[in-house]
Amino acid sequence: MKRSIVLLGSVLLLSACADEKYDVDKATARGEVINIHGRIINGDRFDQFLKNMEGHVESQIRVTQMTIEGDPVYYDLASNKDKISYVFNNKEDKHGDGKRLKTECTGISSAKVESGISYTLEGCLDASIGQTFSFQRRRLLD
């Protein structure tokens, strides 16, 4: 009996320590911009972030891109007048390298592509980290 209680307690403890799966609904409620294989949730928050940057208003945003396997990769951006602090985090991607990298950049550039608009960071202190950010929005149909 004592052994069963210890075993049950161990199982409960281990299950409580297990990583929680990324919850799209909770992330949406927190205001994250989420890219699920081309379907963008809270895209208006990204637009507002860009407007805030243009107006030199301090702002921050998290863009979460889901991998094919359903793992989140985080892109945290914080604008402060003339710079953007950027953090790339793929620690929850089972097939990623488990990195959390930081750099500062001077801006975000956009380019029209066949399927919509592509956004990239520019003027990054560490260009290799800056290149990890890529966000694409589909063109809206009229």
N, C-alpha and C. Protein backbone atom coordinates (compact mmCIF):
# COMPACT_ATOMS: atom_id res chain seq x y z
N MET A 1 0.83 -1.20 0.00
CA MET A 1 0.00 0.00 0.00
C MET A 1 0.87 1.26 0.00
N LYS A 2 1.87 1.24 0.88
CA LYS A 2 2.77 2.38 0.97
C LYS A 2 3.51 2.59 -0.35
N ARG A 3 3.88 1.49 -0.96
CA ARG A 3 4.59 1.54 -2.24
C ARG A 3 3.69 2.13 -3.33
N SER A 4 2.41 1.80 -3.34
CA SER A 4 1.46 2.33 -4.32
C SER A 4 1.28 3.82 -4.16
N ILE A 5 1.23 4.28 -2.93
CA ILE A 5 1.07 5.72 -2.66
C ILE A 5 2.30 6.48 -3.15
N VAL A 6 3.49 5.93 -2.90
CA VAL A 6 4.73 6.57 -3.36
C VAL A 6 4.77 6.59 -4.89
N LEU A 7 4.37 5.49 -5.53
CA LEU A 7 4.35 5.42 -6.99
C LEU A 7 3.36 6.42 -7.57
N LEU A 8 2.17 6.48 -6.99
CA LEU A 8 1.15 7.43 -7.45
C LEU A 8 1.63 8.87 -7.28
N GLY A 9 2.24 9.17 -6.14
CA GLY A 9 2.77 10.51 -5.89
C GLY A 9 3.84 10.87 -6.89
N SER A 10 4.71 9.92 -7.24
CA SER A 10 5.78 10.17 -8.22
C SER A 10 5.20 10.46 -9.60
N VAL A 11 4.19 9.69 -9.99
CA VAL A 11 3.55 9.90 -11.29
C VAL A 11 2.90 11.28 -11.34
N LEU A 12 2.20 11.67 -10.29
CA LEU A 12 1.56 12.99 -10.25
C LEU A 12 2.59 14.11 -10.30
N LEU A 13 3.69 13.93 -9.58
CA LEU A 13 4.74 14.95 -9.58
C LEU A 13 5.36 15.09 -10.96
N LEU A 14 5.66 13.98 -11.60
CA LEU A 14 6.24 14.04 -12.94
C LEU A 14 5.29 14.64 -13.96
N SER A 15 4.02 14.32 -13.86
CA SER A 15 3.07 14.88 -14.82
C SER A 15 2.88 16.38 -14.59
N ALA A 16 3.01 16.84 -13.36
CA ALA A 16 2.90 18.27 -13.08
C ALA A 16 4.10 19.03 -13.63
N CYS A 17 5.24 18.36 -13.70
CA CYS A 17 6.46 19.00 -14.20
C CYS A 17 6.58 18.96 -15.71
N ALA A 18 5.76 18.19 -16.37
CA ALA A 18 5.83 18.07 -17.83
C ALA A 18 5.52 19.41 -18.49
N ASP A 19 6.16 19.66 -19.64
CA ASP A 19 5.92 20.90 -20.37
C ASP A 19 4.47 20.97 -20.82
N GLU A 20 3.91 22.16 -20.70
CA GLU A 20 2.56 22.37 -21.22
C GLU A 20 2.65 22.60 -22.71
N LYS A 21 1.70 22.08 -23.44
CA LYS A 21 1.63 22.28 -24.89
C LYS A 21 1.21 23.72 -25.15
N TYR A 22 1.75 24.31 -26.20
CA TYR A 22 1.40 25.68 -26.57
C TYR A 22 -0.10 25.76 -26.84
N ASP A 23 -0.74 26.73 -26.25
CA ASP A 23 -2.19 26.90 -26.36
C ASP A 23 -2.49 28.13 -27.22
N VAL A 24 -2.95 27.90 -28.44
CA VAL A 24 -3.22 28.98 -29.39
C VAL A 24 -4.28 29.93 -28.84
N ASP A 25 -5.31 29.40 -28.20
CA ASP A 25 -6.38 30.25 -27.67
C ASP A 25 -5.84 31.21 -26.60
N LYS A 26 -5.01 30.69 -25.69
CA LYS A 26 -4.43 31.55 -24.65
C LYS A 26 -3.50 32.59 -25.26
N ALA A 27 -2.70 32.16 -26.24
CA ALA A 27 -1.78 33.08 -26.90
C ALA A 27 -2.54 34.18 -27.65
N THR A 28 -3.64 33.80 -28.27
CA THR A 28 -4.48 34.78 -28.97
C THR A 28 -5.02 35.80 -27.98
N ALA A 29 -5.49 35.32 -26.85
CA ALA A 29 -6.02 36.22 -25.82
C ALA A 29 -4.94 37.15 -25.26
N ARG A 30 -3.68 36.67 -25.23
CA ARG A 30 -2.56 37.51 -24.76
C ARG A 30 -2.15 38.53 -25.82
N GLY A 31 -2.66 38.40 -27.04
CA GLY A 31 -2.34 39.36 -28.09
C GLY A 31 -1.17 38.97 -28.96
N GLU A 32 -0.72 37.73 -28.87
CA GLU A 32 0.37 37.29 -29.75
C GLU A 32 -0.11 37.26 -31.20
N VAL A 33 0.79 37.59 -32.10
CA VAL A 33 0.53 37.42 -33.53
C VAL A 33 0.99 36.00 -33.85
N ILE A 34 0.09 35.19 -34.37
CA ILE A 34 0.38 33.78 -34.57
C ILE A 34 0.26 33.44 -36.06
N ASN A 35 1.28 32.76 -36.55
CA ASN A 35 1.28 32.28 -37.93
C ASN A 35 1.19 30.76 -37.90
N ILE A 36 0.03 30.25 -38.27
CA ILE A 36 -0.16 28.81 -38.33
C ILE A 36 -0.21 28.43 -39.81
N HIS A 37 0.95 28.16 -40.37
CA HIS A 37 1.08 27.72 -41.76
C HIS A 37 0.37 28.66 -42.74
N GLY A 38 0.58 29.96 -42.55
CA GLY A 38 0.01 30.96 -43.45
C GLY A 38 -1.27 31.60 -42.95
N ARG A 39 -1.94 30.99 -41.99
CA ARG A 39 -3.12 31.61 -41.38
C ARG A 39 -2.66 32.49 -40.23
N ILE A 40 -2.90 33.79 -40.34
CA ILE A 40 -2.42 34.75 -39.35
C ILE A 40 -3.55 35.09 -38.38
N ILE A 41 -3.23 35.02 -37.10
CA ILE A 41 -4.15 35.40 -36.04
C ILE A 41 -3.59 36.67 -35.40
N ASN A 42 -4.43 37.65 -35.14
CA ASN A 42 -4.04 38.94 -34.53
C ASN A 42 -3.09 39.73 -35.43
N GLY A 43 -3.28 39.62 -36.75
CA GLY A 43 -2.44 40.37 -37.68
C GLY A 43 -2.53 41.87 -37.48
N ASP A 44 -3.66 42.34 -36.99
CA ASP A 44 -3.83 43.77 -36.73
C ASP A 44 -2.85 44.26 -35.66
N ARG A 45 -2.44 43.39 -34.75
CA ARG A 45 -1.47 43.77 -33.71
C ARG A 45 -0.10 44.03 -34.36
N PHE A 46 0.23 43.27 -35.40
CA PHE A 46 1.49 43.51 -36.10
C PHE A 46 1.44 44.85 -36.82
N ASP A 47 0.31 45.14 -37.46
CA ASP A 47 0.13 46.42 -38.14
C ASP A 47 0.28 47.58 -37.14
N GLN A 48 -0.31 47.44 -35.96
CA GLN A 48 -0.22 48.48 -34.93
C GLN A 48 1.22 48.65 -34.46
N PHE A 49 1.94 47.55 -34.32
CA PHE A 49 3.35 47.62 -33.93
C PHE A 49 4.13 48.43 -34.96
N LEU A 50 3.89 48.18 -36.25
CA LEU A 50 4.58 48.92 -37.30
C LEU A 50 4.23 50.41 -37.25
N LYS A 51 2.96 50.71 -37.02
CA LYS A 51 2.54 52.12 -36.90
C LYS A 51 3.20 52.78 -35.70
N ASN A 52 3.26 52.08 -34.59
CA ASN A 52 3.91 52.62 -33.40
C ASN A 52 5.38 52.91 -33.67
N MET A 53 6.04 52.01 -34.39
CA MET A 53 7.45 52.22 -34.74
C MET A 53 7.62 53.48 -35.57
N GLU A 54 6.75 53.64 -36.57
CA GLU A 54 6.83 54.82 -37.44
C GLU A 54 6.64 56.10 -36.64
N GLY A 55 5.77 56.05 -35.64
CA GLY A 55 5.50 57.21 -34.80
C GLY A 55 6.44 57.34 -33.62
N HIS A 56 7.46 56.52 -33.57
CA HIS A 56 8.45 56.50 -32.47
C HIS A 56 7.79 56.30 -31.11
N VAL A 57 6.77 55.45 -31.09
CA VAL A 57 6.09 55.09 -29.85
C VAL A 57 6.63 53.74 -29.41
N GLU A 58 7.09 53.67 -28.16
CA GLU A 58 7.60 52.40 -27.65
C GLU A 58 6.51 51.35 -27.71
N SER A 59 6.89 50.16 -28.16
CA SER A 59 5.91 49.10 -28.35
C SER A 59 6.62 47.75 -28.33
N GLN A 60 5.87 46.72 -28.00
CA GLN A 60 6.44 45.37 -28.06
C GLN A 60 5.39 44.39 -28.55
N ILE A 61 5.89 43.31 -29.13
CA ILE A 61 5.00 42.31 -29.70
C ILE A 61 5.71 40.96 -29.74
N ARG A 62 4.91 39.92 -29.67
CA ARG A 62 5.44 38.56 -29.88
C ARG A 62 4.78 38.00 -31.11
N VAL A 63 5.61 37.55 -32.05
CA VAL A 63 5.14 36.83 -33.23
C VAL A 63 5.51 35.37 -33.00
N THR A 64 4.53 34.49 -33.07
CA THR A 64 4.76 33.07 -32.88
C THR A 64 4.47 32.35 -34.19
N GLN A 65 5.46 31.64 -34.69
CA GLN A 65 5.28 30.86 -35.91
C GLN A 65 5.25 29.39 -35.51
N MET A 66 4.26 28.68 -35.99
CA MET A 66 4.13 27.27 -35.67
C MET A 66 4.87 26.43 -36.71
N THR A 67 5.62 25.45 -36.24
CA THR A 67 6.31 24.53 -37.14
C THR A 67 5.29 23.55 -37.71
N ILE A 68 5.71 22.76 -38.68
CA ILE A 68 4.83 21.74 -39.26
C ILE A 68 4.36 20.77 -38.20
N GLU A 69 5.23 20.49 -37.21
CA GLU A 69 4.87 19.55 -36.14
C GLU A 69 3.99 20.19 -35.07
N GLY A 70 3.77 21.51 -35.16
CA GLY A 70 2.93 22.20 -34.19
C GLY A 70 3.67 22.81 -33.02
N ASP A 71 5.00 22.94 -33.14
CA ASP A 71 5.80 23.55 -32.07
C ASP A 71 5.92 25.05 -32.32
N PRO A 72 5.90 25.85 -31.26
CA PRO A 72 6.03 27.30 -31.43
C PRO A 72 7.49 27.75 -31.53
N VAL A 73 7.72 28.74 -32.38
CA VAL A 73 9.00 29.45 -32.45
C VAL A 73 8.64 30.92 -32.22
N TYR A 74 9.29 31.53 -31.23
CA TYR A 74 8.93 32.88 -30.81
C TYR A 74 9.88 33.93 -31.37
N TYR A 75 9.30 35.05 -31.80
CA TYR A 75 10.03 36.22 -32.25
C TYR A 75 9.52 37.40 -31.43
N ASP A 76 10.30 37.84 -30.46
CA ASP A 76 9.90 38.97 -29.61
C ASP A 76 10.58 40.24 -30.11
N LEU A 77 9.76 41.25 -30.37
CA LEU A 77 10.23 42.53 -30.88
C LEU A 77 9.80 43.64 -29.92
N ALA A 78 10.74 44.53 -29.60
CA ALA A 78 10.42 45.69 -28.77
C ALA A 78 11.06 46.90 -29.42
N SER A 79 10.23 47.88 -29.79
CA SER A 79 10.77 49.09 -30.41
C SER A 79 10.94 50.17 -29.36
N ASN A 80 12.04 50.90 -29.49
CA ASN A 80 12.34 51.98 -28.57
C ASN A 80 12.94 53.12 -29.39
N LYS A 81 12.07 53.96 -29.90
CA LYS A 81 12.43 55.11 -30.73
C LYS A 81 13.20 54.71 -31.98
N ASP A 82 14.52 54.59 -31.91
CA ASP A 82 15.30 54.35 -33.13
C ASP A 82 15.91 52.96 -33.21
N LYS A 83 15.48 52.03 -32.35
CA LYS A 83 16.02 50.68 -32.41
C LYS A 83 14.96 49.65 -32.07
N ILE A 84 15.24 48.42 -32.48
CA ILE A 84 14.36 47.30 -32.16
C ILE A 84 15.19 46.25 -31.44
N SER A 85 14.76 45.88 -30.26
CA SER A 85 15.38 44.75 -29.57
C SER A 85 14.66 43.51 -30.05
N TYR A 86 15.43 42.52 -30.44
CA TYR A 86 14.87 41.31 -31.03
C TYR A 86 15.39 40.07 -30.30
N VAL A 87 14.46 39.16 -29.98
CA VAL A 87 14.83 37.88 -29.36
C VAL A 87 14.20 36.77 -30.18
N PHE A 88 15.05 35.85 -30.62
CA PHE A 88 14.63 34.64 -31.32
C PHE A 88 14.70 33.50 -30.32
N ASN A 89 13.61 32.71 -30.23
CA ASN A 89 13.56 31.63 -29.24
C ASN A 89 12.91 30.40 -29.86
N ASN A 90 13.70 29.35 -30.05
CA ASN A 90 13.13 28.11 -30.58
C ASN A 90 13.31 26.94 -29.60
N LYS A 91 13.32 27.27 -28.31
CA LYS A 91 13.53 26.24 -27.28
C LYS A 91 12.40 25.22 -27.21
N GLU A 92 11.21 25.57 -27.69
CA GLU A 92 10.10 24.62 -27.65
C GLU A 92 9.93 23.84 -28.95
N ASP A 93 10.79 24.10 -29.90
CA ASP A 93 10.75 23.38 -31.17
C ASP A 93 11.57 22.09 -31.02
N LYS A 94 10.88 20.96 -31.06
CA LYS A 94 11.55 19.67 -30.87
C LYS A 94 12.66 19.42 -31.88
N HIS A 95 12.54 19.99 -33.07
CA HIS A 95 13.54 19.77 -34.11
C HIS A 95 14.48 20.97 -34.26
N GLY A 96 14.33 21.97 -33.40
CA GLY A 96 15.20 23.14 -33.46
C GLY A 96 16.47 22.90 -32.65
N ASP A 97 17.31 23.91 -32.57
CA ASP A 97 18.56 23.76 -31.84
C ASP A 97 18.47 24.28 -30.41
N GLY A 98 17.26 24.65 -29.97
CA GLY A 98 17.05 25.05 -28.58
C GLY A 98 17.72 26.35 -28.19
N LYS A 99 17.76 27.30 -29.11
CA LYS A 99 18.46 28.55 -28.84
C LYS A 99 17.52 29.69 -28.50
N ARG A 100 18.06 30.63 -27.74
CA ARG A 100 17.41 31.91 -27.45
C ARG A 100 18.48 32.96 -27.73
N LEU A 101 18.31 33.69 -28.82
CA LEU A 101 19.32 34.63 -29.29
C LEU A 101 18.78 36.05 -29.28
N LYS A 102 19.65 37.02 -29.01
CA LYS A 102 19.25 38.43 -28.93
C LYS A 102 20.14 39.30 -29.80
N THR A 103 19.54 40.35 -30.34
CA THR A 103 20.30 41.38 -31.05
C THR A 103 19.46 42.66 -31.08
N GLU A 104 20.06 43.73 -31.56
CA GLU A 104 19.34 44.98 -31.78
C GLU A 104 19.43 45.33 -33.25
N CYS A 105 18.33 45.89 -33.76
CA CYS A 105 18.24 46.24 -35.18
C CYS A 105 17.73 47.67 -35.32
N THR A 106 17.90 48.23 -36.52
CA THR A 106 17.47 49.61 -36.74
C THR A 106 16.06 49.71 -37.32
N GLY A 107 15.52 48.62 -37.88
CA GLY A 107 14.18 48.71 -38.45
C GLY A 107 13.68 47.42 -39.03
N ILE A 108 12.49 47.52 -39.59
CA ILE A 108 11.85 46.40 -40.28
C ILE A 108 11.59 46.86 -41.71
N SER A 109 11.97 46.02 -42.65
CA SER A 109 11.67 46.35 -44.04
C SER A 109 10.59 45.40 -44.56
N SER A 110 9.88 45.89 -45.56
CA SER A 110 8.83 45.06 -46.17
C SER A 110 9.07 45.01 -47.67
N ALA A 111 8.67 43.89 -48.23
CA ALA A 111 8.80 43.72 -49.68
C ALA A 111 7.58 42.97 -50.19
N LYS A 112 7.06 43.43 -51.31
CA LYS A 112 5.96 42.72 -51.93
C LYS A 112 6.50 41.45 -52.56
N VAL A 113 5.84 40.36 -52.26
CA VAL A 113 6.18 39.07 -52.86
C VAL A 113 4.91 38.54 -53.51
N GLU A 114 5.05 37.49 -54.28
CA GLU A 114 3.92 36.96 -55.03
C GLU A 114 2.69 36.68 -54.15
N SER A 115 2.94 36.16 -52.96
CA SER A 115 1.82 35.77 -52.10
C SER A 115 1.39 36.84 -51.11
N GLY A 116 2.07 37.98 -51.07
CA GLY A 116 1.68 39.03 -50.12
C GLY A 116 2.82 39.97 -49.81
N ILE A 117 3.07 40.16 -48.52
CA ILE A 117 4.14 41.05 -48.06
C ILE A 117 5.04 40.27 -47.11
N SER A 118 6.34 40.42 -47.31
CA SER A 118 7.33 39.76 -46.47
C SER A 118 8.06 40.82 -45.65
N TYR A 119 8.21 40.57 -44.35
CA TYR A 119 8.88 41.49 -43.43
C TYR A 119 10.18 40.87 -42.93
N THR A 120 11.23 41.68 -42.92
CA THR A 120 12.52 41.24 -42.40
C THR A 120 13.12 42.37 -41.57
N LEU A 121 14.05 42.02 -40.70
CA LEU A 121 14.74 43.01 -39.89
C LEU A 121 15.93 43.55 -40.67
N GLU A 122 16.27 44.80 -40.42
CA GLU A 122 17.42 45.40 -41.10
C GLU A 122 18.31 46.10 -40.08
N GLY A 123 19.57 46.25 -40.44
CA GLY A 123 20.53 46.96 -39.60
C GLY A 123 20.78 46.31 -38.26
N CYS A 124 20.83 44.98 -38.22
CA CYS A 124 21.02 44.27 -36.95
C CYS A 124 22.49 44.23 -36.57
N LEU A 125 22.78 44.39 -35.27
CA LEU A 125 24.15 44.30 -34.78
C LEU A 125 24.74 42.93 -35.10
N ASP A 126 23.93 41.89 -34.95
CA ASP A 126 24.33 40.54 -35.33
C ASP A 126 23.42 40.11 -36.47
N ALA A 127 23.92 40.25 -37.68
CA ALA A 127 23.10 39.98 -38.87
C ALA A 127 22.60 38.55 -38.92
N SER A 128 23.39 37.59 -38.42
CA SER A 128 22.96 36.19 -38.47
C SER A 128 21.74 35.96 -37.58
N ILE A 129 21.66 36.66 -36.47
CA ILE A 129 20.47 36.54 -35.61
C ILE A 129 19.30 37.27 -36.26
N GLY A 130 19.54 38.44 -36.80
CA GLY A 130 18.49 39.20 -37.47
C GLY A 130 17.85 38.43 -38.61
N GLN A 131 18.63 37.58 -39.27
CA GLN A 131 18.11 36.81 -40.39
C GLN A 131 17.15 35.71 -39.96
N THR A 132 17.08 35.42 -38.66
CA THR A 132 16.14 34.40 -38.20
C THR A 132 14.71 34.90 -38.23
N PHE A 133 14.51 36.23 -38.31
CA PHE A 133 13.15 36.78 -38.36
C PHE A 133 12.68 36.86 -39.79
N SER A 134 11.55 36.23 -40.03
CA SER A 134 10.90 36.32 -41.33
C SER A 134 9.40 36.15 -41.09
N PHE A 135 8.65 37.13 -41.49
CA PHE A 135 7.21 37.09 -41.29
C PHE A 135 6.55 37.47 -42.59
N GLN A 136 5.61 36.67 -43.03
CA GLN A 136 4.96 36.92 -44.30
C GLN A 136 3.45 36.93 -44.12
N ARG A 137 2.82 37.93 -44.73
CA ARG A 137 1.36 38.03 -44.71
C ARG A 137 0.85 37.89 -46.12
N ARG A 138 -0.21 37.14 -46.23
CA ARG A 138 -0.85 36.96 -47.55
C ARG A 138 -1.52 38.24 -47.97
N ARG A 139 -1.58 38.41 -49.26
CA ARG A 139 -2.26 39.56 -49.84
C ARG A 139 -3.76 39.38 -49.61
N LEU A 140 -4.41 40.44 -49.15
CA LEU A 140 -5.86 40.39 -48.95
C LEU A 140 -6.58 40.49 -50.28
N LEU A 141 -7.60 39.71 -50.44
CA LEU A 141 -8.38 39.78 -51.68
C LEU A 141 -9.35 40.95 -51.61
N ASP A 142 -9.50 41.67 -52.71
CA ASP A 142 -10.42 42.81 -52.77
C ASP A 142 -11.85 42.35 -52.93
